[in-house]
Amino acid sequence: MDGELVVTLTGTDRSGAAVAGVGEGRLVVPGGIPGERVRVQVLRQVEHLAHDRDARRGPALARIVEVEEASPNRVVPRCRHAGACGGCAWQHIAYPEQLRKKTALLDVLLRRSMGKGAPRVSPAIGMPVGGDGMPWRFRQKAAFVFGRGPGGLVMGHFARGTNDVVPVEECPVHAGRANRIAFALRDALAAAGIPAAGVGTDGLARHVVVRTSRDEREAVAMLVATRDDPALQAPLRAVLDGAEKPEGLVLNLHDRPGPWLVGRESKRVAGTGHVREEALGPAFLVSPGSFFQTNVAAAATLVRLVVEALPGESGLRVLDLYSGSGLFALPIALRGHAVVAVEESRKGARDAELNRRLNGVSEERLKLVCSSVEQALPHLKAGAFDAVVLDPPREGCPPEVIREVFGRLKPARGVLVSCDPEALARELPLAVEAGYRVVRVQPVDMFPHTPHTESVTVLERRSKPPVTSPPGDLTPRTPSSRSRTPGSRTPPAPGRSRTPGSPRKAAGDRTSRRR
């Protein structure tokens, strides 16, 4: 495949790019929408983007030269960097269609793994939208990488599928105050002649991370640098003396090569090291480098779904696995249930203890265990819990964890929070085989303008063993008109990274996602 071609886009790959078949090959076309007819220029083979082990050859990356027949769901991206930046793969797609696509993807994957017995997937819950019908400024954690430009230090995001830095002057998915602080720090570093390190160690400035509260009244900025160099003192002081002064400023030392966001050692330069987030019910202390959801509004939806899934007003014995800093454990305990929370990360466990004390929850009501889930489960007695909440990192739960929870502990109710539809499709059949039925599968849009999908699945123990069915038709069952977006309408049906600052192994910061 060489030169320019006219193709009809037929689907979407895992990265969110459109795809088209050409002979025995396949094109990956970022910025396209399935159903569109486009003229493209073939750029190069990209086998690492294939996601198809059976393909004879990897796909070729193609650039859209002209959209000859546009989808009715095509919109003009708000961000000027949307085409080059790897953060937002779907800014060119109308938001109701984004939600429909996420619901349909989860539906197809579950039917592929569970056959005709697959549960119905509820329409995805979206974010509130603005006058243009799209959600913006929903990320309370802003993260940028520093790179080297012709004039010195630049700041931006990684280009799609590379470690190349795309300099940016805006990022409308971030909280407004977080952006202003980050750009003020960039300007101060550039004025001081600080060299960028990027993914390497031959330089000084690597990343900046800014965490704000949802109401943006509090903000803490963290500069990630290769070393604590005296040359950093002047630009850091300039930020603290400037109009965009944050409530706290932290220096993180990160001397290992690679795209990982932060290092192991942090030093507080001034002010506080965390913001106080009160938009989730309980109060949480959240630092720029902590494992905590970047989209607080969507996190509130997750919390509501998990708490509502637990039967009874109070008095349940609940096990919270992969509990992080207590996103679910705290509101469950405050509702009157007795919670045992297991978290492997020492930092996450320390944050959970701080949040427990902050909210006045007793140790009898919320017991925190710093351990891997695999090591903790064998010490827990069968029948000791009425409900189990699982919130694993992106790769999902190992099969032995699912079997231990649903095959041996046998809680009456299970709640599985997943940030990877493919992982969920592996996990649910194991739970069903252990004697559970799926009550609800509810997608939640945590990362608008990207293909990433979170979901909350509620399971209930059966009184009789399940009957399995062979795989059935894989056509998505959810029509576009059923996706829910507050304040928006669905258009007529057709006939950011790496997400910037995202968790996970979230697109963006390349760290395992924790709450």
Protein backbone atom coordinates (compact mmCIF):
# COMPACT_ATOMS: atom_id res chain seq x y z
CA MET A 1 0.00 0.00 0.00
CA ASP A 2 1.73 3.15 -1.22
CA GLY A 3 0.74 6.73 -2.02
CA GLU A 4 -2.85 7.97 -1.78
CA LEU A 5 -5.95 5.79 -1.62
CA VAL A 6 -9.69 6.33 -1.32
CA VAL A 7 -11.15 3.96 1.27
CA THR A 8 -14.32 3.44 3.29
CA LEU A 9 -13.67 3.20 7.01
CA THR A 10 -15.22 0.08 8.50
CA GLY A 11 -14.36 -0.04 12.21
CA THR A 12 -12.28 1.18 15.13
CA ASP A 13 -9.16 -0.29 16.73
CA ARG A 14 -8.28 -0.29 20.44
CA SER A 15 -6.48 3.04 20.17
CA GLY A 16 -9.66 4.73 18.96
CA ALA A 17 -8.45 5.15 15.37
CA ALA A 18 -10.66 4.18 12.44
CA VAL A 19 -9.60 1.22 10.28
CA ALA A 20 -10.13 0.12 6.70
CA GLY A 21 -9.30 -3.05 4.81
CA VAL A 22 -7.27 -2.79 1.60
CA GLY A 23 -6.67 -6.12 -0.11
CA GLU A 24 -5.04 -8.38 2.44
CA GLY A 25 -3.77 -5.39 4.42
CA ARG A 26 -5.31 -2.98 6.87
CA LEU A 27 -5.08 0.76 7.33
CA VAL A 28 -5.16 2.56 10.67
CA VAL A 29 -6.62 6.03 10.12
CA PRO A 30 -6.58 8.39 13.14
CA GLY A 31 -9.22 11.08 12.96
CA GLY A 32 -11.66 8.99 10.93
CA ILE A 33 -15.15 7.69 11.76
CA PRO A 34 -16.48 4.31 10.62
CA GLY A 35 -18.74 4.71 7.59
CA GLU A 36 -16.80 7.66 6.17
CA ARG A 37 -15.24 7.66 2.71
CA VAL A 38 -11.82 9.30 2.92
CA ARG A 39 -8.78 9.96 0.79
CA VAL A 40 -5.68 8.99 2.75
CA GLN A 41 -1.91 9.05 2.39
CA VAL A 42 -0.19 5.88 3.56
CA LEU A 43 2.68 6.76 5.90
CA ARG A 44 4.29 3.62 7.30
CA GLN A 45 3.78 0.13 8.66
CA VAL A 46 2.89 0.12 12.36
CA GLU A 47 2.87 -3.49 13.51
CA HIS A 48 2.76 -2.46 17.18
CA LEU A 49 -0.68 -0.95 16.51
CA ALA A 50 -2.13 -4.09 14.89
CA HIS A 51 -3.85 -5.67 17.93
CA ASP A 52 -4.44 -8.62 15.58
CA ARG A 53 -2.15 -11.59 16.14
CA ASP A 54 -3.69 -13.47 13.22
CA ALA A 55 -3.01 -10.78 10.65
CA ARG A 56 -0.50 -11.68 7.95
CA ARG A 57 1.10 -8.30 8.29
CA GLY A 58 0.76 -5.32 10.58
CA PRO A 59 -1.47 -2.45 9.54
CA ALA A 60 -0.23 0.67 7.81
CA LEU A 61 -0.70 4.09 9.36
CA ALA A 62 -2.51 6.54 7.09
CA ARG A 63 -3.22 10.27 7.24
CA ILE A 64 -6.52 11.71 6.08
CA VAL A 65 -5.98 14.01 3.11
CA GLU A 66 -9.67 14.68 2.47
CA VAL A 67 -12.99 13.51 3.88
CA GLU A 68 -15.06 12.82 0.76
CA GLU A 69 -18.18 11.55 2.55
CA ALA A 70 -18.37 12.69 6.18
CA SER A 71 -20.24 10.98 8.99
CA PRO A 72 -23.19 12.92 10.44
CA ASN A 73 -21.40 12.45 13.76
CA ARG A 74 -18.33 14.44 12.69
CA VAL A 75 -17.69 17.70 14.55
CA VAL A 76 -14.86 20.23 14.48
CA PRO A 77 -12.41 19.54 17.35
CA ARG A 78 -12.25 22.37 19.85
CA CYS A 79 -8.54 21.92 20.59
CA ARG A 80 -6.10 23.19 17.96
CA HIS A 81 -3.73 20.31 18.78
CA ALA A 82 -6.28 17.50 18.45
CA GLY A 83 -4.89 16.15 15.18
CA ALA A 84 -1.28 15.83 16.35
CA CYS A 85 -1.59 15.22 20.10
CA GLY A 86 -2.03 11.65 21.31
CA GLY A 87 -4.32 12.63 24.15
CA CYS A 88 -7.82 12.85 22.64
CA ALA A 89 -8.53 10.39 19.83
CA TRP A 90 -12.23 11.27 19.52
CA GLN A 91 -12.61 15.05 19.73
CA HIS A 92 -13.88 14.95 16.14
CA ILE A 93 -16.82 12.67 17.12
CA ALA A 94 -20.09 14.06 18.53
CA TYR A 95 -20.42 13.16 22.20
CA PRO A 96 -23.61 11.07 21.97
CA GLU A 97 -21.87 8.93 19.35
CA GLN A 98 -18.82 8.56 21.59
CA LEU A 99 -21.10 7.17 24.30
CA ARG A 100 -22.86 4.86 21.86
CA LYS A 101 -19.53 3.50 20.63
CA LYS A 102 -18.34 2.80 24.17
CA THR A 103 -21.57 1.00 25.05
CA ALA A 104 -21.45 -1.02 21.83
CA LEU A 105 -17.81 -2.04 22.35
CA LEU A 106 -18.53 -3.41 25.81
CA ASP A 107 -21.64 -5.19 24.53
CA VAL A 108 -19.73 -6.92 21.70
CA LEU A 109 -16.89 -8.03 23.95
CA LEU A 110 -19.23 -9.53 26.56
CA ARG A 111 -21.22 -11.44 23.96
CA ARG A 112 -18.03 -12.67 22.39
CA SER A 113 -16.89 -14.12 25.72
CA MET A 114 -20.27 -15.15 27.19
CA GLY A 115 -22.44 -16.03 24.21
CA LYS A 116 -26.20 -15.68 24.35
CA GLY A 117 -26.02 -15.60 28.13
CA ALA A 118 -24.20 -12.26 28.05
CA PRO A 119 -25.90 -9.56 30.13
CA ARG A 120 -27.48 -6.49 28.63
CA VAL A 121 -25.20 -3.47 28.77
CA SER A 122 -26.91 -0.30 29.95
CA PRO A 123 -26.38 2.90 27.95
CA ALA A 124 -23.20 4.68 29.04
CA ILE A 125 -23.55 7.48 31.57
CA GLY A 126 -21.88 10.56 30.16
CA MET A 127 -20.60 13.85 31.47
CA PRO A 128 -22.53 17.14 31.54
CA VAL A 129 -21.93 19.08 28.33
CA GLY A 130 -21.57 22.72 27.35
CA GLY A 131 -23.24 24.78 24.67
CA ASP A 132 -21.38 22.89 21.94
CA GLY A 133 -22.74 19.55 23.18
CA MET A 134 -19.32 18.39 24.39
CA PRO A 135 -17.80 18.00 27.88
CA TRP A 136 -14.71 20.07 28.78
CA ARG A 137 -12.52 20.90 31.78
CA PHE A 138 -13.44 17.66 33.52
CA ARG A 139 -9.95 16.49 34.52
CA GLN A 140 -8.78 17.70 37.93
CA LYS A 141 -5.30 16.27 37.28
CA ALA A 142 -3.32 17.96 34.53
CA ALA A 143 -0.05 16.38 33.38
CA PHE A 144 2.36 17.56 30.70
CA VAL A 145 5.78 16.42 29.48
CA PHE A 146 8.68 18.77 28.71
CA GLY A 147 10.56 18.51 25.44
CA ARG A 148 13.16 20.34 23.40
CA GLY A 149 12.08 22.76 20.72
CA PRO A 150 14.03 25.02 18.35
CA GLY A 151 13.91 27.81 20.92
CA GLY A 152 14.51 25.72 24.02
CA LEU A 153 12.13 24.09 26.48
CA VAL A 154 8.59 23.29 25.32
CA MET A 155 5.68 21.59 27.10
CA GLY A 156 3.02 19.32 25.70
CA HIS A 157 1.82 15.75 25.28
CA PHE A 158 3.20 12.71 23.50
CA ALA A 159 2.25 12.23 19.86
CA ARG A 160 0.14 9.16 19.22
CA GLY A 161 2.14 5.95 19.62
CA THR A 162 5.50 7.71 20.12
CA ASN A 163 7.69 9.45 22.68
CA ASP A 164 7.78 12.59 20.53
CA VAL A 165 6.54 15.68 22.37
CA VAL A 166 3.86 17.77 20.67
CA PRO A 167 4.12 21.33 22.10
CA VAL A 168 0.72 22.66 23.15
CA GLU A 169 -0.73 26.04 24.06
CA GLU A 170 -4.03 24.72 25.42
CA CYS A 171 -5.62 21.54 26.76
CA PRO A 172 -9.38 22.04 27.17
CA VAL A 173 -10.01 18.72 28.94
CA HIS A 174 -8.00 19.91 31.98
CA ALA A 175 -9.34 22.11 34.74
CA GLY A 176 -8.76 25.74 33.78
CA ARG A 177 -6.73 26.60 36.87
CA ALA A 178 -4.52 23.52 36.43
CA ASN A 179 -3.65 24.65 32.91
CA ARG A 180 -2.85 28.18 34.01
CA ILE A 181 -0.47 26.98 36.72
CA ALA A 182 1.25 24.51 34.38
CA PHE A 183 1.80 27.11 31.66
CA ALA A 184 3.09 29.61 34.22
CA LEU A 185 5.65 27.03 35.36
CA ARG A 186 6.61 26.31 31.74
CA ASP A 187 7.20 29.98 31.07
CA ALA A 188 9.30 30.38 34.22
CA LEU A 189 11.44 27.34 33.37
CA ALA A 190 11.94 28.51 29.78
CA ALA A 191 12.88 32.03 30.90
CA ALA A 192 15.48 30.57 33.26
CA GLY A 193 16.99 28.44 30.47
CA ILE A 194 16.19 25.13 32.19
CA PRO A 195 16.90 22.22 29.79
CA ALA A 196 14.15 19.65 29.18
CA ALA A 197 14.79 15.98 29.87
CA GLY A 198 11.55 14.45 28.58
CA VAL A 199 11.71 10.65 28.73
CA GLY A 200 15.50 10.67 29.20
CA THR A 201 17.85 11.89 31.90
CA ASP A 202 20.01 14.20 29.79
CA GLY A 203 18.36 17.37 31.01
CA LEU A 204 16.51 18.65 34.04
CA ALA A 205 12.75 19.22 33.63
CA ARG A 206 10.71 16.10 32.82
CA HIS A 207 7.02 16.59 33.68
CA VAL A 208 4.63 18.89 35.48
CA VAL A 209 1.55 17.58 37.29
CA VAL A 210 -1.11 19.86 38.78
CA ARG A 211 -3.94 18.61 40.97
CA THR A 212 -6.93 20.81 41.71
CA SER A 213 -10.07 20.28 43.72
CA ARG A 214 -13.21 20.03 41.63
CA ASP A 215 -14.19 23.60 42.55
CA GLU A 216 -10.60 24.72 41.74
CA ARG A 217 -10.29 26.53 45.06
CA GLU A 218 -7.21 24.46 45.90
CA ALA A 219 -4.30 23.44 43.68
CA VAL A 220 -0.95 21.74 44.18
CA ALA A 221 1.71 21.66 41.46
CA MET A 222 4.51 19.12 41.16
CA LEU A 223 7.59 19.60 38.99
CA VAL A 224 9.24 16.31 38.06
CA ALA A 225 12.98 16.76 37.53
CA THR A 226 15.99 14.51 37.12
CA ARG A 227 17.68 16.04 40.17
CA ASP A 228 17.37 18.76 42.80
CA ASP A 229 19.41 21.38 40.96
CA PRO A 230 19.98 24.91 42.39
CA ALA A 231 19.02 26.30 38.97
CA LEU A 232 15.40 25.34 39.70
CA GLN A 233 15.06 27.65 42.67
CA ALA A 234 14.56 30.85 40.68
CA PRO A 235 11.79 29.58 38.34
CA LEU A 236 9.99 27.85 41.23
CA ARG A 237 10.12 31.08 43.24
CA ALA A 238 8.80 32.99 40.22
CA VAL A 239 5.74 30.73 40.13
CA LEU A 240 5.15 31.17 43.87
CA ASP A 241 5.39 34.94 43.50
CA GLY A 242 3.22 35.07 40.38
CA ALA A 243 -0.49 35.51 39.71
CA GLU A 244 -1.05 31.75 39.32
CA LYS A 245 0.45 30.75 42.66
CA PRO A 246 -0.75 27.29 43.77
CA GLU A 247 -1.54 26.44 47.40
CA GLY A 248 1.34 23.95 47.32
CA LEU A 249 4.46 23.26 45.25
CA VAL A 250 6.33 19.94 45.23
CA LEU A 251 9.57 18.83 43.55
CA ASN A 252 9.64 15.17 42.51
CA LEU A 253 12.99 13.55 41.68
CA HIS A 254 12.91 11.06 38.82
CA ASP A 255 16.26 9.91 37.41
CA ARG A 256 15.17 6.73 35.62
CA PRO A 257 14.83 6.84 31.82
CA GLY A 258 11.45 6.10 30.26
CA PRO A 259 8.01 7.70 29.97
CA TRP A 260 6.89 7.01 33.55
CA LEU A 261 5.39 10.10 35.07
CA VAL A 262 6.94 10.40 38.55
CA GLY A 263 9.87 9.16 40.60
CA ARG A 264 10.01 7.76 44.12
CA GLU A 265 11.19 10.82 46.07
CA SER A 266 9.29 14.08 46.54
CA LYS A 267 10.26 17.28 48.37
CA ARG A 268 7.79 19.93 49.41
CA VAL A 269 8.96 23.33 48.21
CA ALA A 270 6.17 25.46 49.68
CA GLY A 271 2.67 25.21 51.07
CA THR A 272 0.62 22.04 51.30
CA GLY A 273 1.30 18.76 49.53
CA HIS A 274 -2.33 17.92 48.76
CA VAL A 275 -5.75 19.36 47.95
CA ARG A 276 -8.85 18.60 49.95
CA GLU A 277 -11.51 17.11 47.68
CA GLU A 278 -15.03 17.26 49.10
CA ALA A 279 -17.13 16.60 46.00
CA LEU A 280 -17.46 12.86 46.64
CA GLY A 281 -19.26 12.88 49.99
CA PRO A 282 -16.33 12.00 52.26
CA ALA A 283 -13.35 14.37 52.23
CA PHE A 284 -10.19 13.12 50.54
CA LEU A 285 -6.63 14.44 50.68
CA VAL A 286 -5.24 14.13 47.15
CA SER A 287 -1.65 14.87 46.08
CA PRO A 288 -0.52 15.35 42.44
CA GLY A 289 1.19 11.96 42.40
CA SER A 290 -1.44 9.96 44.28
CA PHE A 291 -3.55 7.18 42.78
CA PHE A 292 -6.88 8.95 42.59
CA GLN A 293 -9.39 9.46 39.82
CA THR A 294 -8.64 12.46 37.62
CA ASN A 295 -12.30 13.07 36.75
CA VAL A 296 -14.03 13.77 40.07
CA ALA A 297 -17.54 14.16 38.62
CA ALA A 298 -17.37 10.74 36.96
CA ALA A 299 -15.78 9.27 40.10
CA ALA A 300 -18.84 10.48 42.03
CA THR A 301 -20.98 8.47 39.63
CA LEU A 302 -18.87 5.37 40.27
CA VAL A 303 -19.21 5.84 44.03
CA ARG A 304 -22.98 6.23 43.76
CA LEU A 305 -23.32 3.08 41.65
CA VAL A 306 -21.15 1.01 43.99
CA VAL A 307 -22.90 2.17 47.17
CA GLU A 308 -26.34 1.69 45.64
CA ALA A 309 -25.41 -1.86 44.62
CA LEU A 310 -25.03 -2.92 48.26
CA PRO A 311 -28.36 -4.18 49.67
CA GLY A 312 -29.62 -2.71 52.92
CA GLU A 313 -29.09 0.64 54.58
CA SER A 314 -26.33 -0.54 56.94
CA GLY A 315 -24.83 -3.48 58.79
CA LEU A 316 -23.23 -5.39 55.88
CA ARG A 317 -19.78 -6.94 56.05
CA VAL A 318 -17.98 -5.62 52.96
CA LEU A 319 -14.58 -6.53 51.51
CA ASP A 320 -13.00 -3.84 49.30
CA LEU A 321 -10.16 -5.22 47.16
CA TYR A 322 -7.64 -2.95 45.38
CA SER A 323 -9.02 -0.22 47.64
CA GLY A 324 -6.47 2.53 46.93
CA SER A 325 -6.95 5.62 49.08
CA GLY A 326 -10.48 4.64 50.04
CA LEU A 327 -12.64 5.92 47.18
CA PHE A 328 -15.27 3.23 47.83
CA ALA A 329 -14.32 2.01 51.32
CA LEU A 330 -14.94 5.38 52.99
CA PRO A 331 -18.46 6.09 51.67
CA ILE A 332 -19.43 2.45 52.31
CA ALA A 333 -18.18 2.69 55.91
CA LEU A 334 -19.88 6.06 56.43
CA ARG A 335 -23.14 4.48 55.35
CA GLY A 336 -22.90 2.11 58.31
CA HIS A 337 -21.30 -1.00 56.84
CA ALA A 338 -18.21 -2.72 58.27
CA VAL A 339 -15.41 -2.65 55.69
CA VAL A 340 -12.12 -4.49 55.29
CA ALA A 341 -10.04 -2.69 52.63
CA VAL A 342 -7.01 -4.32 50.98
CA GLU A 343 -4.44 -2.24 49.10
CA GLU A 344 -0.93 -3.30 48.06
CA SER A 345 0.54 0.17 47.53
CA ARG A 346 2.05 1.55 50.73
CA LYS A 347 1.38 5.09 49.60
CA GLY A 348 -2.22 4.23 48.78
CA ALA A 349 -2.66 2.56 52.18
CA ARG A 350 -1.14 5.60 53.95
CA ASP A 351 -3.49 7.92 52.05
CA ALA A 352 -6.43 5.72 53.04
CA GLU A 353 -5.43 5.93 56.70
CA LEU A 354 -5.20 9.74 56.49
CA ASN A 355 -8.62 9.87 54.84
CA ARG A 356 -10.10 7.53 57.46
CA ARG A 357 -8.96 9.83 60.24
CA LEU A 358 -9.99 12.94 58.32
CA ASN A 359 -13.57 11.64 58.14
CA GLY A 360 -13.70 10.38 61.73
CA VAL A 361 -14.25 6.72 60.76
CA SER A 362 -13.24 4.25 63.46
CA GLU A 363 -10.85 1.37 62.87
CA GLU A 364 -13.66 -0.99 63.85
CA ARG A 365 -15.78 0.41 61.02
CA LEU A 366 -12.96 0.47 58.44
CA LYS A 367 -10.02 -1.92 58.74
CA LEU A 368 -7.14 -1.17 56.37
CA VAL A 369 -4.84 -3.97 55.21
CA CYS A 370 -1.64 -3.18 53.28
CA SER A 371 -1.12 -6.36 51.26
CA SER A 372 -1.45 -7.71 47.76
CA VAL A 373 -4.90 -9.12 47.11
CA GLU A 374 -3.40 -12.50 46.23
CA GLN A 375 -1.65 -12.72 49.61
CA ALA A 376 -4.61 -11.45 51.61
CA LEU A 377 -7.38 -13.64 50.20
CA PRO A 378 -6.21 -17.01 51.62
CA HIS A 379 -6.42 -15.53 55.14
CA LEU A 380 -10.08 -14.56 54.77
CA LYS A 381 -12.78 -17.03 55.81
CA ALA A 382 -15.46 -18.28 53.45
CA GLY A 383 -18.79 -16.65 54.19
CA ALA A 384 -17.18 -13.83 56.18
CA PHE A 385 -18.46 -11.10 53.84
CA ASP A 386 -21.90 -10.18 52.55
CA ALA A 387 -20.47 -8.20 49.64
CA VAL A 388 -17.14 -7.79 47.84
CA VAL A 389 -16.06 -4.74 45.81
CA LEU A 390 -13.22 -5.24 43.32
CA ASP A 391 -11.53 -2.26 41.67
CA PRO A 392 -8.41 -3.69 39.97
CA PRO A 393 -5.87 -1.84 37.84
CA ARG A 394 -6.25 -1.75 34.06
CA GLU A 395 -5.07 -5.31 33.48
CA GLY A 396 -7.95 -6.58 35.60
CA CYS A 397 -8.13 -9.33 38.22
CA PRO A 398 -6.02 -12.48 37.86
CA PRO A 399 -8.23 -15.56 37.36
CA GLU A 400 -7.25 -16.92 40.77
CA VAL A 401 -8.61 -13.78 42.45
CA ILE A 402 -11.99 -14.14 40.72
CA ARG A 403 -12.13 -17.82 41.67
CA GLU A 404 -11.19 -17.11 45.29
CA VAL A 405 -13.77 -14.36 45.68
CA PHE A 406 -16.72 -15.95 43.89
CA GLY A 407 -15.79 -19.62 44.24
CA ARG A 408 -14.66 -19.72 47.88
CA LEU A 409 -15.70 -16.55 49.75
CA LYS A 410 -19.11 -16.63 48.03
CA PRO A 411 -20.52 -13.22 49.00
CA ALA A 412 -24.20 -12.64 48.29
CA ARG A 413 -23.30 -9.60 46.17
CA GLY A 414 -20.23 -8.71 44.11
CA VAL A 415 -19.42 -5.33 42.54
CA LEU A 416 -16.71 -5.23 39.89
CA VAL A 417 -15.36 -1.84 38.81
CA SER A 418 -13.42 -2.19 35.57
CA CYS A 419 -11.48 0.27 33.41
CA ASP A 420 -10.83 -2.21 30.58
CA PRO A 421 -13.73 -3.87 28.73
CA GLU A 422 -11.47 -6.71 27.56
CA ALA A 423 -10.46 -7.48 31.15
CA LEU A 424 -14.12 -7.47 32.20
CA ALA A 425 -14.95 -9.86 29.37
CA ARG A 426 -12.38 -12.28 30.80
CA GLU A 427 -13.57 -11.91 34.39
CA LEU A 428 -17.34 -12.18 34.13
CA PRO A 429 -17.49 -15.73 32.68
CA LEU A 430 -15.42 -16.96 35.65
CA ALA A 431 -17.83 -15.36 38.12
CA VAL A 432 -20.84 -16.79 36.29
CA GLU A 433 -19.27 -20.25 36.31
CA ALA A 434 -18.84 -19.91 40.08
CA GLY A 435 -22.60 -19.52 40.48
CA TYR A 436 -23.37 -15.84 39.97
CA ARG A 437 -25.69 -13.93 37.68
CA VAL A 438 -25.04 -10.46 36.34
CA VAL A 439 -27.60 -7.96 37.61
CA ARG A 440 -26.28 -4.87 35.84
CA VAL A 441 -23.46 -3.71 33.58
CA GLN A 442 -23.21 0.08 33.62
CA PRO A 443 -20.57 1.90 31.56
CA VAL A 444 -19.42 5.28 32.87
CA ASP A 445 -17.52 7.77 30.74
CA MET A 446 -14.49 8.67 32.82
CA PHE A 447 -12.42 9.89 29.85
CA PRO A 448 -14.49 11.71 27.20
CA HIS A 449 -12.92 12.12 23.75
CA THR A 450 -11.01 8.84 24.17
CA PRO A 451 -12.04 5.19 23.65
CA HIS A 452 -11.40 4.33 27.31
CA THR A 453 -14.43 3.00 29.17
CA GLU A 454 -15.07 2.38 32.86
CA SER A 455 -17.92 0.20 34.04
CA VAL A 456 -19.61 -1.01 37.21
CA THR A 457 -20.93 -4.58 37.12
CA VAL A 458 -23.17 -5.94 39.86
CA LEU A 459 -23.31 -9.71 40.47
CA GLU A 460 -25.64 -11.75 42.64
CA ARG A 461 -25.13 -15.31 43.90
CA ARG A 462 -27.50 -17.82 42.31
CA SER A 463 -29.35 -20.53 44.14
CA LYS A 464 -28.88 -22.89 41.16
CA PRO A 465 -25.90 -23.42 38.81
CA PRO A 466 -25.94 -21.33 35.61
CA VAL A 467 -26.69 -22.61 32.11
CA THR A 468 -24.03 -21.57 29.60
CA SER A 469 -24.74 -20.66 25.97
CA PRO A 470 -22.56 -20.60 22.85
CA PRO A 471 -21.48 -17.27 21.38
CA GLY A 472 -24.23 -15.50 19.48
CA ASP A 473 -24.55 -12.61 17.08
CA LEU A 474 -21.95 -9.92 17.77
CA THR A 475 -23.90 -7.00 16.34
CA PRO A 476 -24.12 -4.25 18.98
CA ARG A 477 -27.53 -4.29 20.64
CA THR A 478 -27.58 -0.74 22.01
CA PRO A 479 -28.93 1.92 19.64
CA SER A 480 -27.24 5.31 19.64
CA SER A 481 -30.38 7.01 20.90
CA ARG A 482 -30.12 5.25 24.25
CA SER A 483 -26.76 6.69 25.33
CA ARG A 484 -27.37 9.16 28.12
CA THR A 485 -25.72 12.55 28.07
CA PRO A 486 -27.07 15.18 30.48
CA GLY A 487 -28.09 18.26 28.55
CA SER A 488 -27.53 16.89 25.04
CA ARG A 489 -29.42 15.27 22.22
CA THR A 490 -28.48 12.37 20.02
CA PRO A 491 -28.00 13.25 16.32
CA PRO A 492 -29.73 11.19 13.62
CA ALA A 493 -28.27 7.70 13.40
CA PRO A 494 -25.91 7.16 10.44
CA GLY A 495 -27.25 4.70 7.56
CA ARG A 496 -5.82 12.41 24.73
CA SER A 497 -0.62 9.75 25.77
CA ARG A 498 -1.94 8.44 25.92
CA THR A 499 -4.65 10.42 27.50
CA PRO A 500 -3.11 13.54 28.99
CA GLY A 501 -2.49 13.00 32.66
CA SER A 502 -4.48 9.82 32.73
CA PRO A 503 -3.90 7.16 35.10
CA ARG A 504 -3.78 4.24 34.34
CA LYS A 505 -2.00 1.65 33.33
CA ALA A 506 -3.95 4.56 32.36
CA ALA A 507 -3.29 6.26 29.14
CA GLY A 508 -1.17 9.23 30.05
CA ASP A 509 0.92 8.67 33.14
CA ARG A 510 1.58 4.97 32.60
CA THR A 511 0.98 4.00 36.19
CA SER A 512 -1.42 1.33 37.37
CA ARG A 513 -4.76 2.93 38.09
CA ARG A 514 -5.85 3.03 41.70
CA ARG A 515 -8.57 5.01 43.45
